[in-house]
Structure formats: structure tokens, C-alpha cells
Amino acid sequence: MPSPTEPHWNYEATVLHIEAIVTRIESGTLDLADVFEQFSTAVESLRQCELFLATKQKQMDLLIETLTDDDAMP
């Protein structure tokens, strides 16, 4: 799965992928080894989402700071 730093990575698609994994795990049809593998994949995808959101939050904070700085200048 691509990382959030790659141009073709998509937050919404990653969330859908995580939801599909949760559905498969909850179905009870997977072997135990597959459950662990799927869980590991979901955790990695969640980490990617967290990284993406944290990066975007920093970008937003910088933009807001820039706007605030611009408003303070005469």
C-alpha cells in the first residue's frame, strides 16, 4: 500500500480499505493467521492516516499563522 507522502495515496480510499478489513475480521470467516495479518495491515493503514492528518494540521496551522501575521502588518 502506498504511503501518504506519495502523490497517488488517498485518505478516503485508505479509510475504506480499513473498513473492509474490519468487516472481514468481524465476519469470523478468516483463519487466525489471516486475522493477525489483516489486523497488522489495518494498523499500518491507520498510522498512514494519522501521519497524513498530522501533516495537514501542521500545514493548516502555518497558513493560519501566515494569515494572522499578514493581518498584523500595516
N, C-alpha and C. Protein backbone atom coordinates (compact mmCIF):
# COMPACT_ATOMS: atom_id res chain seq x y z
N MET A 1 0.85 -1.18 0.00
CA MET A 1 0.00 0.00 0.00
C MET A 1 0.89 1.25 0.00
N PRO A 2 0.56 2.25 -0.82
CA PRO A 2 1.39 3.44 -0.89
C PRO A 2 1.33 4.25 0.40
N SER A 3 2.33 5.10 0.58
CA SER A 3 2.40 5.93 1.78
C SER A 3 1.74 7.28 1.51
N PRO A 4 1.34 8.00 2.58
CA PRO A 4 0.67 9.29 2.38
C PRO A 4 1.55 10.35 1.74
N THR A 5 2.84 10.11 1.65
CA THR A 5 3.73 11.07 1.01
C THR A 5 3.77 10.87 -0.50
N GLU A 6 3.20 9.78 -0.99
CA GLU A 6 3.16 9.53 -2.43
C GLU A 6 1.96 10.23 -3.05
N PRO A 7 2.12 10.76 -4.26
CA PRO A 7 1.05 11.55 -4.86
C PRO A 7 -0.26 10.79 -5.09
N HIS A 8 -0.21 9.49 -5.31
CA HIS A 8 -1.43 8.75 -5.60
C HIS A 8 -2.08 8.13 -4.36
N TRP A 9 -1.53 8.41 -3.17
CA TRP A 9 -2.14 7.94 -1.93
C TRP A 9 -3.42 8.72 -1.69
N ASN A 10 -4.45 8.05 -1.17
CA ASN A 10 -5.74 8.70 -0.98
C ASN A 10 -6.29 8.36 0.40
N TYR A 11 -6.56 9.39 1.19
CA TYR A 11 -7.06 9.21 2.55
C TYR A 11 -8.38 8.43 2.56
N GLU A 12 -9.32 8.86 1.76
CA GLU A 12 -10.64 8.24 1.75
C GLU A 12 -10.58 6.78 1.33
N ALA A 13 -9.75 6.48 0.33
CA ALA A 13 -9.59 5.10 -0.12
C ALA A 13 -8.95 4.25 0.98
N THR A 14 -8.02 4.83 1.71
CA THR A 14 -7.38 4.10 2.80
C THR A 14 -8.37 3.80 3.92
N VAL A 15 -9.22 4.77 4.24
CA VAL A 15 -10.25 4.54 5.26
C VAL A 15 -11.20 3.43 4.81
N LEU A 16 -11.60 3.45 3.55
CA LEU A 16 -12.46 2.37 3.03
C LEU A 16 -11.78 1.02 3.12
N HIS A 17 -10.48 1.00 2.86
CA HIS A 17 -9.71 -0.24 2.96
C HIS A 17 -9.71 -0.75 4.41
N ILE A 18 -9.51 0.14 5.35
CA ILE A 18 -9.54 -0.23 6.77
C ILE A 18 -10.91 -0.78 7.14
N GLU A 19 -11.96 -0.11 6.71
CA GLU A 19 -13.32 -0.57 7.00
C GLU A 19 -13.57 -1.96 6.43
N ALA A 20 -13.05 -2.23 5.23
CA ALA A 20 -13.22 -3.56 4.62
C ALA A 20 -12.49 -4.62 5.44
N ILE A 21 -11.31 -4.28 5.94
CA ILE A 21 -10.56 -5.21 6.78
C ILE A 21 -11.34 -5.52 8.06
N VAL A 22 -11.87 -4.48 8.68
CA VAL A 22 -12.64 -4.67 9.92
C VAL A 22 -13.84 -5.58 9.66
N THR A 23 -14.50 -5.37 8.54
CA THR A 23 -15.65 -6.20 8.18
C THR A 23 -15.24 -7.66 8.02
N ARG A 24 -14.10 -7.90 7.34
CA ARG A 24 -13.62 -9.27 7.16
C ARG A 24 -13.28 -9.91 8.50
N ILE A 25 -12.62 -9.15 9.37
CA ILE A 25 -12.25 -9.69 10.68
C ILE A 25 -13.51 -10.01 11.48
N GLU A 26 -14.46 -9.09 11.47
CA GLU A 26 -15.69 -9.29 12.24
C GLU A 26 -16.56 -10.41 11.70
N SER A 27 -16.37 -10.77 10.44
CA SER A 27 -17.20 -11.83 9.83
C SER A 27 -16.94 -13.18 10.49
N GLY A 28 -15.74 -13.34 11.05
CA GLY A 28 -15.41 -14.60 11.70
C GLY A 28 -15.04 -15.71 10.73
N THR A 29 -14.85 -15.39 9.48
CA THR A 29 -14.56 -16.42 8.48
C THR A 29 -13.06 -16.58 8.20
N LEU A 30 -12.25 -15.69 8.75
CA LEU A 30 -10.80 -15.76 8.49
C LEU A 30 -10.12 -16.73 9.45
N ASP A 31 -9.07 -17.37 8.96
CA ASP A 31 -8.21 -18.15 9.84
C ASP A 31 -7.50 -17.18 10.77
N LEU A 32 -7.07 -17.68 11.92
CA LEU A 32 -6.42 -16.84 12.92
C LEU A 32 -5.19 -16.13 12.34
N ALA A 33 -4.40 -16.82 11.55
CA ALA A 33 -3.22 -16.21 10.94
C ALA A 33 -3.63 -15.05 10.02
N ASP A 34 -4.73 -15.22 9.29
CA ASP A 34 -5.22 -14.16 8.42
C ASP A 34 -5.74 -12.97 9.22
N VAL A 35 -6.36 -13.25 10.36
CA VAL A 35 -6.83 -12.17 11.23
C VAL A 35 -5.65 -11.30 11.66
N PHE A 36 -4.57 -11.93 12.09
CA PHE A 36 -3.39 -11.18 12.52
C PHE A 36 -2.79 -10.39 11.36
N GLU A 37 -2.74 -11.00 10.19
CA GLU A 37 -2.19 -10.31 9.02
C GLU A 37 -3.06 -9.11 8.64
N GLN A 38 -4.36 -9.32 8.62
CA GLN A 38 -5.29 -8.24 8.28
C GLN A 38 -5.23 -7.12 9.33
N PHE A 39 -5.16 -7.51 10.59
CA PHE A 39 -5.06 -6.53 11.67
C PHE A 39 -3.80 -5.69 11.52
N SER A 40 -2.69 -6.33 11.22
CA SER A 40 -1.43 -5.63 11.02
C SER A 40 -1.53 -4.63 9.86
N THR A 41 -2.16 -5.05 8.79
CA THR A 41 -2.37 -4.17 7.63
C THR A 41 -3.23 -2.97 8.02
N ALA A 42 -4.28 -3.21 8.79
CA ALA A 42 -5.16 -2.13 9.22
C ALA A 42 -4.42 -1.14 10.11
N VAL A 43 -3.60 -1.64 11.02
CA VAL A 43 -2.83 -0.77 11.90
C VAL A 43 -1.88 0.11 11.09
N GLU A 44 -1.21 -0.46 10.12
CA GLU A 44 -0.30 0.32 9.27
C GLU A 44 -1.08 1.39 8.50
N SER A 45 -2.24 1.03 8.00
CA SER A 45 -3.07 2.00 7.27
C SER A 45 -3.54 3.11 8.20
N LEU A 46 -3.89 2.78 9.43
CA LEU A 46 -4.27 3.80 10.40
C LEU A 46 -3.11 4.74 10.70
N ARG A 47 -1.92 4.21 10.79
CA ARG A 47 -0.73 5.05 11.01
C ARG A 47 -0.54 6.02 9.84
N GLN A 48 -0.76 5.53 8.64
CA GLN A 48 -0.66 6.39 7.47
C GLN A 48 -1.68 7.52 7.54
N CYS A 49 -2.90 7.19 7.94
CA CYS A 49 -3.95 8.21 8.06
C CYS A 49 -3.58 9.24 9.12
N GLU A 50 -3.06 8.78 10.24
CA GLU A 50 -2.65 9.69 11.31
C GLU A 50 -1.53 10.61 10.84
N LEU A 51 -0.56 10.07 10.12
CA LEU A 51 0.53 10.87 9.59
C LEU A 51 0.00 11.93 8.62
N PHE A 52 -0.89 11.51 7.74
CA PHE A 52 -1.50 12.42 6.78
C PHE A 52 -2.22 13.56 7.50
N LEU A 53 -3.06 13.21 8.48
CA LEU A 53 -3.82 14.23 9.19
C LEU A 53 -2.91 15.16 9.98
N ALA A 54 -1.88 14.62 10.61
CA ALA A 54 -0.95 15.46 11.37
C ALA A 54 -0.21 16.42 10.44
N THR A 55 0.19 15.94 9.27
CA THR A 55 0.87 16.79 8.30
C THR A 55 -0.04 17.90 7.81
N LYS A 56 -1.27 17.55 7.51
CA LYS A 56 -2.22 18.56 7.04
C LYS A 56 -2.55 19.55 8.14
N GLN A 57 -2.62 19.10 9.38
CA GLN A 57 -2.88 20.01 10.50
C GLN A 57 -1.75 21.02 10.64
N LYS A 58 -0.50 20.57 10.50
CA LYS A 58 0.64 21.48 10.56
C LYS A 58 0.58 22.51 9.43
N GLN A 59 0.20 22.04 8.23
CA GLN A 59 0.08 22.96 7.10
C GLN A 59 -1.00 24.01 7.36
N MET A 60 -2.13 23.57 7.91
CA MET A 60 -3.22 24.50 8.23
C MET A 60 -2.77 25.50 9.29
N ASP A 61 -2.07 25.03 10.32
CA ASP A 61 -1.58 25.91 11.38
C ASP A 61 -0.65 26.97 10.80
N LEU A 62 0.23 26.56 9.88
CA LEU A 62 1.14 27.52 9.24
C LEU A 62 0.39 28.54 8.40
N LEU A 63 -0.63 28.08 7.67
CA LEU A 63 -1.43 29.00 6.87
C LEU A 63 -2.17 30.00 7.75
N ILE A 64 -2.74 29.51 8.83
CA ILE A 64 -3.45 30.40 9.75
C ILE A 64 -2.48 31.40 10.37
N GLU A 65 -1.31 30.93 10.74
CA GLU A 65 -0.28 31.81 11.31
C GLU A 65 0.11 32.88 10.29
N THR A 66 0.26 32.49 9.03
CA THR A 66 0.61 33.43 7.98
C THR A 66 -0.49 34.47 7.81
N LEU A 67 -1.74 34.04 7.85
CA LEU A 67 -2.85 34.97 7.75
C LEU A 67 -2.85 35.95 8.92
N THR A 68 -2.62 35.43 10.09
CA THR A 68 -2.59 36.26 11.30
C THR A 68 -1.45 37.26 11.21
N ASP A 69 -0.28 36.80 10.75
CA ASP A 69 0.86 37.69 10.59
C ASP A 69 0.58 38.78 9.55
N ASP A 70 -0.09 38.42 8.46
CA ASP A 70 -0.43 39.39 7.42
C ASP A 70 -1.40 40.43 7.94
N ASP A 71 -2.34 40.03 8.77
CA ASP A 71 -3.32 40.95 9.34
C ASP A 71 -2.65 41.94 10.30
N ALA A 72 -1.58 41.53 10.95
CA ALA A 72 -0.90 42.38 11.92
C ALA A 72 -0.02 43.42 11.25
N MET A 73 0.35 43.21 9.98
CA MET A 73 1.23 44.14 9.29
C MET A 73 0.42 45.33 8.80
N PRO A 74 1.01 46.53 8.89
CA PRO A 74 0.31 47.74 8.43
C PRO A 74 0.23 47.85 6.93
